[in-house]
Amino acid sequence: MREQRCLAEAIYFEARSEPEKGQAAVAQVVLNRVQSGLYPSTVCGVVFQNRQHYDACQFSFACDGHPLRVTEPEAWRTAMRIAADVIDGETYVAASATPPIITPITCGRAGRNISRRPT
């Protein structure tokens, strides 16, 4: 349940204004990083990596100095549902038979969110 909450926080604070596909893309980025071996091995570890360093974390909401307050209950419920769905393996975007390759390039865009692979 803690991992789902961390994932929902990433979805809510990074992408709540995006369509569900964009929100799910943020969730998938987190799960891809967990599985990559290049980031922490837990969802919460990835979401809050480097949170103690201003503007040096994986997700801006985690280290921008603003309190993490849910002010939109409906958007929070959506984030929690999407987090649960993605953790359970539900796909919101077309799946590829090719596993993701970790390279230092921009690798995807969903709405205003741009996914970048590690450098």
PDB file of N, CA and C in Angstrom:
ATOM      1  N   MET A   1       0.811  -1.196   0.000  1.00  0.00           N
ATOM      2  CA  MET A   1       0.000   0.000   0.000  1.00  0.00           C
ATOM      3  C   MET A   1       0.858   1.265   0.000  1.00  0.00           C
ATOM      4  N   ARG A   2       2.014   1.236   0.694  1.00  0.00           N
ATOM      5  CA  ARG A   2       2.900   2.400   0.716  1.00  0.00           C
ATOM      6  C   ARG A   2       3.426   2.696  -0.692  1.00  0.00           C
ATOM      7  N   GLU A   3       3.810   1.652  -1.410  1.00  0.00           N
ATOM      8  CA  GLU A   3       4.323   1.857  -2.764  1.00  0.00           C
ATOM      9  C   GLU A   3       3.238   2.462  -3.669  1.00  0.00           C
ATOM     10  N   GLN A   4       2.003   1.996  -3.500  1.00  0.00           N
ATOM     11  CA  GLN A   4       0.908   2.550  -4.291  1.00  0.00           C
ATOM     12  C   GLN A   4       0.712   4.027  -3.960  1.00  0.00           C
ATOM     13  N   ARG A   5       0.814   4.378  -2.697  1.00  0.00           N
ATOM     14  CA  ARG A   5       0.651   5.782  -2.304  1.00  0.00           C
ATOM     15  C   ARG A   5       1.770   6.639  -2.904  1.00  0.00           C
ATOM     16  N   CYS A   6       3.001   6.168  -2.850  1.00  0.00           N
ATOM     17  CA  CYS A   6       4.116   6.924  -3.446  1.00  0.00           C
ATOM     18  C   CYS A   6       3.891   7.111  -4.945  1.00  0.00           C
ATOM     19  N   LEU A   7       3.435   6.053  -5.611  1.00  0.00           N
ATOM     20  CA  LEU A   7       3.174   6.147  -7.047  1.00  0.00           C
ATOM     21  C   LEU A   7       2.027   7.118  -7.312  1.00  0.00           C
ATOM     22  N   ALA A   8       0.987   7.064  -6.497  1.00  0.00           N
ATOM     23  CA  ALA A   8      -0.135   7.992  -6.648  1.00  0.00           C
ATOM     24  C   ALA A   8       0.316   9.429  -6.422  1.00  0.00           C
ATOM     25  N   GLU A   9       1.232   9.650  -5.489  1.00  0.00           N
ATOM     26  CA  GLU A   9       1.756  11.001  -5.271  1.00  0.00           C
ATOM     27  C   GLU A   9       2.494  11.491  -6.506  1.00  0.00           C
ATOM     28  N   ALA A  10       3.287  10.632  -7.120  1.00  0.00           N
ATOM     29  CA  ALA A  10       3.978  11.027  -8.352  1.00  0.00           C
ATOM     30  C   ALA A  10       2.970  11.382  -9.440  1.00  0.00           C
ATOM     31  N   ILE A  11       1.957  10.567  -9.589  1.00  0.00           N
ATOM     32  CA  ILE A  11       0.923  10.819 -10.601  1.00  0.00           C
ATOM     33  C   ILE A  11       0.198  12.126 -10.293  1.00  0.00           C
ATOM     34  N   TYR A  12      -0.259  12.276  -9.063  1.00  0.00           N
ATOM     35  CA  TYR A  12      -1.055  13.436  -8.683  1.00  0.00           C
ATOM     36  C   TYR A  12      -0.256  14.739  -8.821  1.00  0.00           C
ATOM     37  N   PHE A  13       0.929  14.780  -8.245  1.00  0.00           N
ATOM     38  CA  PHE A  13       1.680  16.031  -8.213  1.00  0.00           C
ATOM     39  C   PHE A  13       2.388  16.340  -9.525  1.00  0.00           C
ATOM     40  N   GLU A  14       2.661  15.341 -10.337  1.00  0.00           N
ATOM     41  CA  GLU A  14       3.337  15.585 -11.616  1.00  0.00           C
ATOM     42  C   GLU A  14       2.378  15.683 -12.789  1.00  0.00           C
ATOM     43  N   ALA A  15       1.212  15.031 -12.718  1.00  0.00           N
ATOM     44  CA  ALA A  15       0.424  14.906 -13.951  1.00  0.00           C
ATOM     45  C   ALA A  15      -1.087  14.956 -13.760  1.00  0.00           C
ATOM     46  N   ARG A  16      -1.577  15.460 -12.648  1.00  0.00           N
ATOM     47  CA  ARG A  16      -3.033  15.392 -12.433  1.00  0.00           C
ATOM     48  C   ARG A  16      -3.837  16.165 -13.465  1.00  0.00           C
ATOM     49  N   SER A  17      -3.236  17.134 -14.139  1.00  0.00           N
ATOM     50  CA  SER A  17      -3.964  17.891 -15.160  1.00  0.00           C
ATOM     51  C   SER A  17      -3.924  17.201 -16.526  1.00  0.00           C
ATOM     52  N   GLU A  18      -3.197  16.099 -16.607  1.00  0.00           N
ATOM     53  CA  GLU A  18      -3.069  15.357 -17.865  1.00  0.00           C
ATOM     54  C   GLU A  18      -4.207  14.347 -18.008  1.00  0.00           C
ATOM     55  N   PRO A  19      -4.470  13.906 -19.245  1.00  0.00           N
ATOM     56  CA  PRO A  19      -5.415  12.795 -19.416  1.00  0.00           C
ATOM     57  C   PRO A  19      -4.860  11.543 -18.726  1.00  0.00           C
ATOM     58  N   GLU A  20      -5.707  10.558 -18.534  1.00  0.00           N
ATOM     59  CA  GLU A  20      -5.283   9.349 -17.819  1.00  0.00           C
ATOM     60  C   GLU A  20      -4.082   8.671 -18.476  1.00  0.00           C
ATOM     61  N   LYS A  21      -3.986   8.710 -19.781  1.00  0.00           N
ATOM     62  CA  LYS A  21      -2.819   8.107 -20.448  1.00  0.00           C
ATOM     63  C   LYS A  21      -1.531   8.801 -20.025  1.00  0.00           C
ATOM     64  N   GLY A  22      -1.569  10.127 -19.898  1.00  0.00           N
ATOM     65  CA  GLY A  22      -0.395  10.871 -19.445  1.00  0.00           C
ATOM     66  C   GLY A  22      -0.051  10.555 -18.004  1.00  0.00           C
ATOM     67  N   GLN A  23      -1.073  10.411 -17.173  1.00  0.00           N
ATOM     68  CA  GLN A  23      -0.843  10.055 -15.774  1.00  0.00           C
ATOM     69  C   GLN A  23      -0.255   8.648 -15.670  1.00  0.00           C
ATOM     70  N   ALA A  24      -0.786   7.737 -16.455  1.00  0.00           N
ATOM     71  CA  ALA A  24      -0.264   6.368 -16.449  1.00  0.00           C
ATOM     72  C   ALA A  24       1.166   6.324 -16.973  1.00  0.00           C
ATOM     73  N   ALA A  25       1.491   7.218 -17.895  1.00  0.00           N
ATOM     74  CA  ALA A  25       2.865   7.272 -18.423  1.00  0.00           C
ATOM     75  C   ALA A  25       3.844   7.654 -17.316  1.00  0.00           C
ATOM     76  N   VAL A  26       3.457   8.590 -16.464  1.00  0.00           N
ATOM     77  CA  VAL A  26       4.307   8.956 -15.323  1.00  0.00           C
ATOM     78  C   VAL A  26       4.508   7.735 -14.427  1.00  0.00           C
ATOM     79  N   ALA A  27       3.436   7.015 -14.154  1.00  0.00           N
ATOM     80  CA  ALA A  27       3.531   5.810 -13.326  1.00  0.00           C
ATOM     81  C   ALA A  27       4.450   4.782 -13.964  1.00  0.00           C
ATOM     82  N   GLN A  28       4.332   4.622 -15.257  1.00  0.00           N
ATOM     83  CA  GLN A  28       5.160   3.636 -15.943  1.00  0.00           C
ATOM     84  C   GLN A  28       6.632   4.024 -15.913  1.00  0.00           C
ATOM     85  N   VAL A  29       6.925   5.310 -16.007  1.00  0.00           N
ATOM     86  CA  VAL A  29       8.311   5.772 -15.892  1.00  0.00           C
ATOM     87  C   VAL A  29       8.885   5.354 -14.540  1.00  0.00           C
ATOM     88  N   VAL A  30       8.106   5.540 -13.481  1.00  0.00           N
ATOM     89  CA  VAL A  30       8.568   5.147 -12.145  1.00  0.00           C
ATOM     90  C   VAL A  30       8.857   3.648 -12.109  1.00  0.00           C
ATOM     91  N   LEU A  31       7.927   2.831 -12.596  1.00  0.00           N
ATOM     92  CA  LEU A  31       8.132   1.378 -12.562  1.00  0.00           C
ATOM     93  C   LEU A  31       9.315   0.960 -13.433  1.00  0.00           C
ATOM     94  N   ASN A  32       9.491   1.605 -14.579  1.00  0.00           N
ATOM     95  CA  ASN A  32      10.644   1.299 -15.432  1.00  0.00           C
ATOM     96  C   ASN A  32      11.947   1.603 -14.703  1.00  0.00           C
ATOM     97  N   ARG A  33      11.972   2.711 -13.962  1.00  0.00           N
ATOM     98  CA  ARG A  33      13.183   3.065 -13.218  1.00  0.00           C
ATOM     99  C   ARG A  33      13.445   2.061 -12.100  1.00  0.00           C
ATOM    100  N   VAL A  34      12.408   1.621 -11.424  1.00  0.00           N
ATOM    101  CA  VAL A  34      12.573   0.609 -10.372  1.00  0.00           C
ATOM    102  C   VAL A  34      13.225  -0.640 -10.960  1.00  0.00           C
ATOM    103  N   GLN A  35      12.793  -1.047 -12.127  1.00  0.00           N
ATOM    104  CA  GLN A  35      13.276  -2.285 -12.750  1.00  0.00           C
ATOM    105  C   GLN A  35      14.620  -2.134 -13.439  1.00  0.00           C
ATOM    106  N   SER A  36      15.071  -0.906 -13.673  1.00  0.00           N
ATOM    107  CA  SER A  36      16.276  -0.692 -14.474  1.00  0.00           C
ATOM    108  C   SER A  36      17.576  -1.080 -13.780  1.00  0.00           C
ATOM    109  N   GLY A  37      17.608  -1.037 -12.456  1.00  0.00           N
ATOM    110  CA  GLY A  37      18.866  -1.266 -11.753  1.00  0.00           C
ATOM    111  C   GLY A  37      19.716  -0.017 -11.631  1.00  0.00           C
ATOM    112  N   LEU A  38      19.305   1.071 -12.254  1.00  0.00           N
ATOM    113  CA  LEU A  38      20.056   2.327 -12.214  1.00  0.00           C
ATOM    114  C   LEU A  38      19.496   3.308 -11.180  1.00  0.00           C
ATOM    115  N   TYR A  39      18.370   2.980 -10.626  1.00  0.00           N
ATOM    116  CA  TYR A  39      17.681   3.824  -9.652  1.00  0.00           C
ATOM    117  C   TYR A  39      17.393   2.986  -8.419  1.00  0.00           C
ATOM    118  N   PRO A  40      16.852   3.594  -7.374  1.00  0.00           N
ATOM    119  CA  PRO A  40      16.462   2.782  -6.216  1.00  0.00           C
ATOM    120  C   PRO A  40      15.528   1.645  -6.619  1.00  0.00           C
ATOM    121  N   SER A  41      15.479   0.609  -5.810  1.00  0.00           N
ATOM    122  CA  SER A  41      14.739  -0.608  -6.164  1.00  0.00           C
ATOM    123  C   SER A  41      13.295  -0.619  -5.679  1.00  0.00           C
ATOM    124  N   THR A  42      12.825   0.505  -5.137  1.00  0.00           N
ATOM    125  CA  THR A  42      11.433   0.596  -4.713  1.00  0.00           C
ATOM    126  C   THR A  42      10.772   1.805  -5.364  1.00  0.00           C
ATOM    127  N   VAL A  43       9.453   1.769  -5.448  1.00  0.00           N
ATOM    128  CA  VAL A  43       8.711   2.894  -6.017  1.00  0.00           C
ATOM    129  C   VAL A  43       8.967   4.155  -5.198  1.00  0.00           C
ATOM    130  N   CYS A  44       8.851   4.056  -3.878  1.00  0.00           N
ATOM    131  CA  CYS A  44       9.069   5.237  -3.034  1.00  0.00           C
ATOM    132  C   CYS A  44      10.504   5.745  -3.163  1.00  0.00           C
ATOM    133  N   GLY A  45      11.446   4.826  -3.279  1.00  0.00           N
ATOM    134  CA  GLY A  45      12.842   5.227  -3.463  1.00  0.00           C
ATOM    135  C   GLY A  45      13.054   6.025  -4.726  1.00  0.00           C
ATOM    136  N   VAL A  46      12.430   5.599  -5.817  1.00  0.00           N
ATOM    137  CA  VAL A  46      12.543   6.329  -7.076  1.00  0.00           C
ATOM    138  C   VAL A  46      11.843   7.677  -6.982  1.00  0.00           C
ATOM    139  N   VAL A  47      10.611   7.678  -6.504  1.00  0.00           N
ATOM    140  CA  VAL A  47       9.821   8.909  -6.465  1.00  0.00           C
ATOM    141  C   VAL A  47      10.501   9.979  -5.617  1.00  0.00           C
ATOM    142  N   PHE A  48      11.098   9.584  -4.513  1.00  0.00           N
ATOM    143  CA  PHE A  48      11.671  10.571  -3.597  1.00  0.00           C
ATOM    144  C   PHE A  48      13.196  10.591  -3.590  1.00  0.00           C
ATOM    145  N   GLN A  49      13.830  10.031  -4.615  1.00  0.00           N
ATOM    146  CA  GLN A  49      15.288  10.031  -4.698  1.00  0.00           C
ATOM    147  C   GLN A  49      15.805  11.472  -4.712  1.00  0.00           C
ATOM    148  N   ASN A  50      16.774  11.749  -3.884  1.00  0.00           N
ATOM    149  CA  ASN A  50      17.419  13.064  -3.773  1.00  0.00           C
ATOM    150  C   ASN A  50      16.474  14.162  -3.312  1.00  0.00           C
ATOM    151  N   ARG A  51      15.420  13.830  -2.618  1.00  0.00           N
ATOM    152  CA  ARG A  51      14.450  14.844  -2.196  1.00  0.00           C
ATOM    153  C   ARG A  51      15.052  15.904  -1.299  1.00  0.00           C
ATOM    154  N   GLN A  52      16.168  15.595  -0.639  1.00  0.00           N
ATOM    155  CA  GLN A  52      16.800  16.557   0.242  1.00  0.00           C
ATOM    156  C   GLN A  52      17.597  17.616  -0.520  1.00  0.00           C
ATOM    157  N   HIS A  53      17.743  17.448  -1.820  1.00  0.00           N
ATOM    158  CA  HIS A  53      18.497  18.400  -2.642  1.00  0.00           C
ATOM    159  C   HIS A  53      17.534  19.192  -3.518  1.00  0.00           C
ATOM    160  N   TYR A  54      17.453  20.480  -3.308  1.00  0.00           N
ATOM    161  CA  TYR A  54      16.548  21.324  -4.083  1.00  0.00           C
ATOM    162  C   TYR A  54      16.851  21.191  -5.575  1.00  0.00           C
ATOM    163  N   ASP A  55      15.831  20.895  -6.339  1.00  0.00           N
ATOM    164  CA  ASP A  55      15.912  20.765  -7.799  1.00  0.00           C
ATOM    165  C   ASP A  55      16.880  19.687  -8.283  1.00  0.00           C
ATOM    166  N   ALA A  56      17.123  18.666  -7.483  1.00  0.00           N
ATOM    167  CA  ALA A  56      18.028  17.594  -7.914  1.00  0.00           C
ATOM    168  C   ALA A  56      17.354  16.231  -7.830  1.00  0.00           C
ATOM    169  N   CYS A  57      16.038  16.219  -7.703  1.00  0.00           N
ATOM    170  CA  CYS A  57      15.338  14.947  -7.536  1.00  0.00           C
ATOM    171  C   CYS A  57      14.752  14.476  -8.867  1.00  0.00           C
ATOM    172  N   GLN A  58      14.242  13.255  -8.859  1.00  0.00           N
ATOM    173  CA  GLN A  58      13.677  12.676 -10.080  1.00  0.00           C
ATOM    174  C   GLN A  58      12.380  13.353 -10.489  1.00  0.00           C
ATOM    175  N   PHE A  59      11.573  13.748  -9.502  1.00  0.00           N
ATOM    176  CA  PHE A  59      10.281  14.366  -9.762  1.00  0.00           C
ATOM    177  C   PHE A  59      10.241  15.693  -9.014  1.00  0.00           C
ATOM    178  N   SER A  60       9.984  16.765  -9.733  1.00  0.00           N
ATOM    179  CA  SER A  60      10.113  18.110  -9.178  1.00  0.00           C
ATOM    180  C   SER A  60       9.301  18.329  -7.913  1.00  0.00           C
ATOM    181  N   PHE A  61       8.129  17.733  -7.804  1.00  0.00           N
ATOM    182  CA  PHE A  61       7.305  17.959  -6.625  1.00  0.00           C
ATOM    183  C   PHE A  61       7.982  17.490  -5.340  1.00  0.00           C
ATOM    184  N   ALA A  62       8.882  16.529  -5.461  1.00  0.00           N
ATOM    185  CA  ALA A  62       9.505  15.922  -4.285  1.00  0.00           C
ATOM    186  C   ALA A  62      10.560  16.825  -3.645  1.00  0.00           C
ATOM    187  N   CYS A  63      11.051  17.802  -4.379  1.00  0.00           N
ATOM    188  CA  CYS A  63      12.120  18.636  -3.809  1.00  0.00           C
ATOM    189  C   CYS A  63      11.971  20.111  -4.163  1.00  0.00           C
ATOM    190  N   ASP A  64      10.754  20.544  -4.474  1.00  0.00           N
ATOM    191  CA  ASP A  64      10.584  21.958  -4.834  1.00  0.00           C
ATOM    192  C   ASP A  64      10.271  22.849  -3.637  1.00  0.00           C
ATOM    193  N   GLY A  65      10.218  22.250  -2.450  1.00  0.00           N
ATOM    194  CA  GLY A  65       9.981  23.021  -1.246  1.00  0.00           C
ATOM    195  C   GLY A  65       8.523  23.262  -0.913  1.00  0.00           C
ATOM    196  N   HIS A  66       7.610  22.850  -1.771  1.00  0.00           N
ATOM    197  CA  HIS A  66       6.187  23.019  -1.500  1.00  0.00           C
ATOM    198  C   HIS A  66       5.668  21.828  -0.694  1.00  0.00           C
ATOM    199  N   PRO A  67       4.758  22.088   0.241  1.00  0.00           N
ATOM    200  CA  PRO A  67       4.189  20.968   0.998  1.00  0.00           C
ATOM    201  C   PRO A  67       3.359  20.054   0.099  1.00  0.00           C
ATOM    202  N   LEU A  68       3.393  18.771   0.380  1.00  0.00           N
ATOM    203  CA  LEU A  68       2.634  17.798  -0.404  1.00  0.00           C
ATOM    204  C   LEU A  68       1.220  17.714   0.159  1.00  0.00           C
ATOM    205  N   ARG A  69       0.341  18.543  -0.355  1.00  0.00           N
ATOM    206  CA  ARG A  69      -1.052  18.580   0.090  1.00  0.00           C
ATOM    207  C   ARG A  69      -1.971  18.243  -1.056  1.00  0.00           C
ATOM    208  N   VAL A  70      -2.837  17.292  -0.834  1.00  0.00           N
ATOM    209  CA  VAL A  70      -3.850  16.942  -1.825  1.00  0.00           C
ATOM    210  C   VAL A  70      -5.003  17.923  -1.664  1.00  0.00           C
ATOM    211  N   THR A  71      -5.256  18.705  -2.706  1.00  0.00           N
ATOM    212  CA  THR A  71      -6.320  19.716  -2.660  1.00  0.00           C
ATOM    213  C   THR A  71      -7.453  19.411  -3.633  1.00  0.00           C
ATOM    214  N   GLU A  72      -7.266  18.355  -4.430  1.00  0.00           N
ATOM    215  CA  GLU A  72      -8.284  17.973  -5.410  1.00  0.00           C
ATOM    216  C   GLU A  72      -8.636  16.500  -5.181  1.00  0.00           C
ATOM    217  N   PRO A  73      -9.649  16.239  -4.351  1.00  0.00           N
ATOM    218  CA  PRO A  73      -9.980  14.854  -3.985  1.00  0.00           C
ATOM    219  C   PRO A  73     -10.276  13.943  -5.175  1.00  0.00           C
ATOM    220  N   GLU A  74     -10.966  14.439  -6.178  1.00  0.00           N
ATOM    221  CA  GLU A  74     -11.289  13.599  -7.341  1.00  0.00           C
ATOM    222  C   GLU A  74     -10.016  13.217  -8.095  1.00  0.00           C
ATOM    223  N   ALA A  75      -9.119  14.184  -8.274  1.00  0.00           N
ATOM    224  CA  ALA A  75      -7.846  13.900  -8.949  1.00  0.00           C
ATOM    225  C   ALA A  75      -7.016  12.913  -8.130  1.00  0.00           C
ATOM    226  N   TRP A  76      -7.095  13.006  -6.799  1.00  0.00           N
ATOM    227  CA  TRP A  76      -6.373  12.065  -5.943  1.00  0.00           C
ATOM    228  C   TRP A  76      -6.933  10.656  -6.099  1.00  0.00           C
ATOM    229  N   ARG A  77      -8.253  10.534  -6.124  1.00  0.00           N
ATOM    230  CA  ARG A  77      -8.867   9.212  -6.314  1.00  0.00           C
ATOM    231  C   ARG A  77      -8.440   8.620  -7.661  1.00  0.00           C
ATOM    232  N   THR A  78      -8.401   9.451  -8.683  1.00  0.00           N
ATOM    233  CA  THR A  78      -7.960   8.985  -9.999  1.00  0.00           C
ATOM    234  C   THR A  78      -6.504   8.529  -9.942  1.00  0.00           C
ATOM    235  N   ALA A  79      -5.655   9.306  -9.289  1.00  0.00           N
ATOM    236  CA  ALA A  79      -4.236   8.942  -9.167  1.00  0.00           C
ATOM    237  C   ALA A  79      -4.072   7.622  -8.427  1.00  0.00           C
ATOM    238  N   MET A  80      -4.841   7.428  -7.362  1.00  0.00           N
ATOM    239  CA  MET A  80      -4.760   6.171  -6.608  1.00  0.00           C
ATOM    240  C   MET A  80      -5.220   4.992  -7.465  1.00  0.00           C
ATOM    241  N   ARG A  81      -6.284   5.189  -8.246  1.00  0.00           N
ATOM    242  CA  ARG A  81      -6.786   4.116  -9.108  1.00  0.00           C
ATOM    243  C   ARG A  81      -5.759   3.779 -10.187  1.00  0.00           C
ATOM    244  N   ILE A  82      -5.204   4.796 -10.824  1.00  0.00           N
ATOM    245  CA  ILE A  82      -4.210   4.554 -11.876  1.00  0.00           C
ATOM    246  C   ILE A  82      -2.975   3.882 -11.287  1.00  0.00           C
ATOM    247  N   ALA A  83      -2.545   4.314 -10.117  1.00  0.00           N
ATOM    248  CA  ALA A  83      -1.388   3.684  -9.474  1.00  0.00           C
ATOM    249  C   ALA A  83      -1.650   2.203  -9.243  1.00  0.00           C
ATOM    250  N   ALA A  84      -2.820   1.883  -8.718  1.00  0.00           N
ATOM    251  CA  ALA A  84      -3.169   0.475  -8.483  1.00  0.00           C
ATOM    252  C   ALA A  84      -3.209  -0.298  -9.794  1.00  0.00           C
ATOM    253  N   ASP A  85      -3.808   0.300 -10.820  1.00  0.00           N
ATOM    254  CA  ASP A  85      -3.907  -0.367 -12.123  1.00  0.00           C
ATOM    255  C   ASP A  85      -2.524  -0.649 -12.708  1.00  0.00           C
ATOM    256  N   VAL A  86      -1.654   0.352 -12.670  1.00  0.00           N
ATOM    257  CA  VAL A  86      -0.327   0.193 -13.277  1.00  0.00           C
ATOM    258  C   VAL A  86       0.506  -0.817 -12.486  1.00  0.00           C
ATOM    259  N   ILE A  87       0.417  -0.768 -11.174  1.00  0.00           N
ATOM    260  CA  ILE A  87       1.129  -1.760 -10.359  1.00  0.00           C
ATOM    261  C   ILE A  87       0.630  -3.163 -10.682  1.00  0.00           C
ATOM    262  N   ASP A  88      -0.661  -3.288 -10.952  1.00  0.00           N
ATOM    263  CA  ASP A  88      -1.252  -4.590 -11.289  1.00  0.00           C
ATOM    264  C   ASP A  88      -1.008  -4.987 -12.739  1.00  0.00           C
ATOM    265  N   GLY A  89      -0.322  -4.147 -13.508  1.00  0.00           N
ATOM    266  CA  GLY A  89       0.040  -4.496 -14.873  1.00  0.00           C
ATOM    267  C   GLY A  89      -0.902  -4.009 -15.951  1.00  0.00           C
ATOM    268  N   GLU A  90      -1.896  -3.200 -15.606  1.00  0.00           N
ATOM    269  CA  GLU A  90      -2.800  -2.684 -16.635  1.00  0.00           C
ATOM    270  C   GLU A  90      -2.062  -1.718 -17.540  1.00  0.00           C
ATOM    271  N   THR A  91      -2.347  -1.800 -18.818  1.00  0.00           N
ATOM    272  CA  THR A  91      -1.703  -0.956 -19.813  1.00  0.00           C
ATOM    273  C   THR A  91      -2.660   0.135 -20.273  1.00  0.00           C
ATOM    274  N   TYR A  92      -2.192   1.366 -20.253  1.00  0.00           N
ATOM    275  CA  TYR A  92      -2.990   2.498 -20.706  1.00  0.00           C
ATOM    276  C   TYR A  92      -2.584   2.950 -22.102  1.00  0.00           C
ATOM    277  N   VAL A  93      -1.400   2.589 -22.526  1.00  0.00           N
ATOM    278  CA  VAL A  93      -0.903   2.972 -23.843  1.00  0.00           C
ATOM    279  C   VAL A  93      -0.515   1.715 -24.587  1.00  0.00           C
ATOM    280  N   ALA A  94      -0.369   1.830 -25.875  1.00  0.00           N
ATOM    281  CA  ALA A  94      -0.024   0.658 -26.686  1.00  0.00           C
ATOM    282  C   ALA A  94       1.253   0.019 -26.165  1.00  0.00           C
ATOM    283  N   ALA A  95       1.191  -1.256 -25.904  1.00  0.00           N
ATOM    284  CA  ALA A  95       2.349  -1.984 -25.399  1.00  0.00           C
ATOM    285  C   ALA A  95       3.277  -2.349 -26.551  1.00  0.00           C
ATOM    286  N   SER A  96       4.543  -2.400 -26.248  1.00  0.00           N
ATOM    287  CA  SER A  96       5.544  -2.776 -27.238  1.00  0.00           C
ATOM    288  C   SER A  96       6.120  -4.126 -26.852  1.00  0.00           C
ATOM    289  N   ALA A  97       6.414  -4.948 -27.842  1.00  0.00           N
ATOM    290  CA  ALA A  97       7.017  -6.247 -27.573  1.00  0.00           C
ATOM    291  C   ALA A  97       8.486  -6.094 -27.187  1.00  0.00           C
ATOM    292  N   THR A  98       9.056  -4.935 -27.460  1.00  0.00           N
ATOM    293  CA  THR A  98      10.456  -4.678 -27.166  1.00  0.00           C
ATOM    294  C   THR A  98      10.588  -4.031 -25.802  1.00  0.00           C
ATOM    295  N   PRO A  99      11.391  -4.591 -24.910  1.00  0.00           N
ATOM    296  CA  PRO A  99      11.562  -3.960 -23.605  1.00  0.00           C
ATOM    297  C   PRO A  99      12.272  -2.615 -23.746  1.00  0.00           C
ATOM    298  N   PRO A 100      12.039  -1.693 -22.811  1.00  0.00           N
ATOM    299  CA  PRO A 100      12.682  -0.388 -22.918  1.00  0.00           C
ATOM    300  C   PRO A 100      14.190  -0.509 -22.786  1.00  0.00           C
ATOM    301  N   ILE A 101      14.892   0.313 -23.513  1.00  0.00           N
ATOM    302  CA  ILE A 101      16.348   0.361 -23.453  1.00  0.00           C
ATOM    303  C   ILE A 101      16.720   1.640 -22.717  1.00  0.00           C
ATOM    304  N   ILE A 102      17.598   1.544 -21.750  1.00  0.00           N
ATOM    305  CA  ILE A 102      17.997   2.702 -20.969  1.00  0.00           C
ATOM    306  C   ILE A 102      19.177   3.380 -21.663  1.00  0.00           C
ATOM    307  N   THR A 103      18.922   4.558 -22.221  1.00  0.00           N
ATOM    308  CA  THR A 103      19.960   5.344 -22.885  1.00  0.00           C
ATOM    309  C   THR A 103      19.760   6.808 -22.523  1.00  0.00           C
ATOM    310  N   PRO A 104      20.759   7.647 -22.691  1.00  0.00           N
ATOM    311  CA  PRO A 104      20.646   9.044 -22.273  1.00  0.00           C
ATOM    312  C   PRO A 104      19.947   9.936 -23.302  1.00  0.00           C
ATOM    313  N   ILE A 105      18.707   9.618 -23.617  1.00  0.00           N
ATOM    314  CA  ILE A 105      17.979  10.406 -24.601  1.00  0.00           C
ATOM    315  C   ILE A 105      16.547  10.616 -24.135  1.00  0.00           C
ATOM    316  N   THR A 106      15.894  11.574 -24.748  1.00  0.00           N
ATOM    317  CA  THR A 106      14.464  11.728 -24.506  1.00  0.00           C
ATOM    318  C   THR A 106      13.790  10.532 -25.143  1.00  0.00           C
ATOM    319  N   CYS A 107      12.927   9.862 -24.374  1.00  0.00           N
ATOM    320  CA  CYS A 107      12.385   8.612 -24.872  1.00  0.00           C
ATOM    321  C   CYS A 107      10.884   8.615 -25.061  1.00  0.00           C
ATOM    322  N   GLY A 108      10.205   9.637 -24.612  1.00  0.00           N
ATOM    323  CA  GLY A 108       8.771   9.613 -24.810  1.00  0.00           C
ATOM    324  C   GLY A 108       8.114  10.885 -24.337  1.00  0.00           C
ATOM    325  N   ARG A 109       6.916  11.080 -24.795  1.00  0.00           N
ATOM    326  CA  ARG A 109       6.156  12.259 -24.415  1.00  0.00           C
ATOM    327  C   ARG A 109       4.703  11.850 -24.256  1.00  0.00           C
ATOM    328  N   ALA A 110       4.090  12.266 -23.158  1.00  0.00           N
ATOM    329  CA  ALA A 110       2.672  12.037 -22.925  1.00  0.00           C
ATOM    330  C   ALA A 110       2.113  13.345 -22.401  1.00  0.00           C
ATOM    331  N   GLY A 111       1.375  14.066 -23.218  1.00  0.00           N
ATOM    332  CA  GLY A 111       0.909  15.386 -22.824  1.00  0.00           C
ATOM    333  C   GLY A 111       2.102  16.298 -22.644  1.00  0.00           C
ATOM    334  N   ARG A 112       2.151  16.983 -21.510  1.00  0.00           N
ATOM    335  CA  ARG A 112       3.278  17.885 -21.247  1.00  0.00           C
ATOM    336  C   ARG A 112       4.457  17.174 -20.604  1.00  0.00           C
ATOM    337  N   ASN A 113       4.311  15.899 -20.273  1.00  0.00           N
ATOM    338  CA  ASN A 113       5.372  15.158 -19.615  1.00  0.00           C
ATOM    339  C   ASN A 113       6.316  14.551 -20.631  1.00  0.00           C
ATOM    340  N   ILE A 114       7.592  14.800 -20.441  1.00  0.00           N
ATOM    341  CA  ILE A 114       8.623  14.241 -21.302  1.00  0.00           C
ATOM    342  C   ILE A 114       9.434  13.270 -20.453  1.00  0.00           C
ATOM    343  N   SER A 115       9.567  12.043 -20.917  1.00  0.00           N
ATOM    344  CA  SER A 115      10.353  11.037 -20.203  1.00  0.00           C
ATOM    345  C   SER A 115      11.754  11.061 -20.751  1.00  0.00           C
ATOM    346  N   ARG A 116      12.717  11.140 -19.858  1.00  0.00           N
ATOM    347  CA  ARG A 116      14.118  11.102 -20.270  1.00  0.00           C
ATOM    348  C   ARG A 116      14.775   9.937 -19.580  1.00  0.00           C
ATOM    349  N   ARG A 117      15.621   9.280 -20.298  1.00  0.00           N
ATOM    350  CA  ARG A 117      16.365   8.169 -19.717  1.00  0.00           C
ATOM    351  C   ARG A 117      17.635   8.709 -19.097  1.00  0.00           C
ATOM    352  N   PRO A 118      18.236   7.955 -18.192  1.00  0.00           N
ATOM    353  CA  PRO A 118      19.409   8.461 -17.458  1.00  0.00           C
ATOM    354  C   PRO A 118      20.583   8.766 -18.369  1.00  0.00           C
ATOM    355  N   THR A 119      21.364   9.742 -17.905  1.00  0.00           N
ATOM    356  CA  THR A 119      22.578  10.121 -18.649  1.00  0.00           C
ATOM    357  C   THR A 119      23.787   9.457 -18.061  1.00  0.00           C
TER     358      THR A 119
END
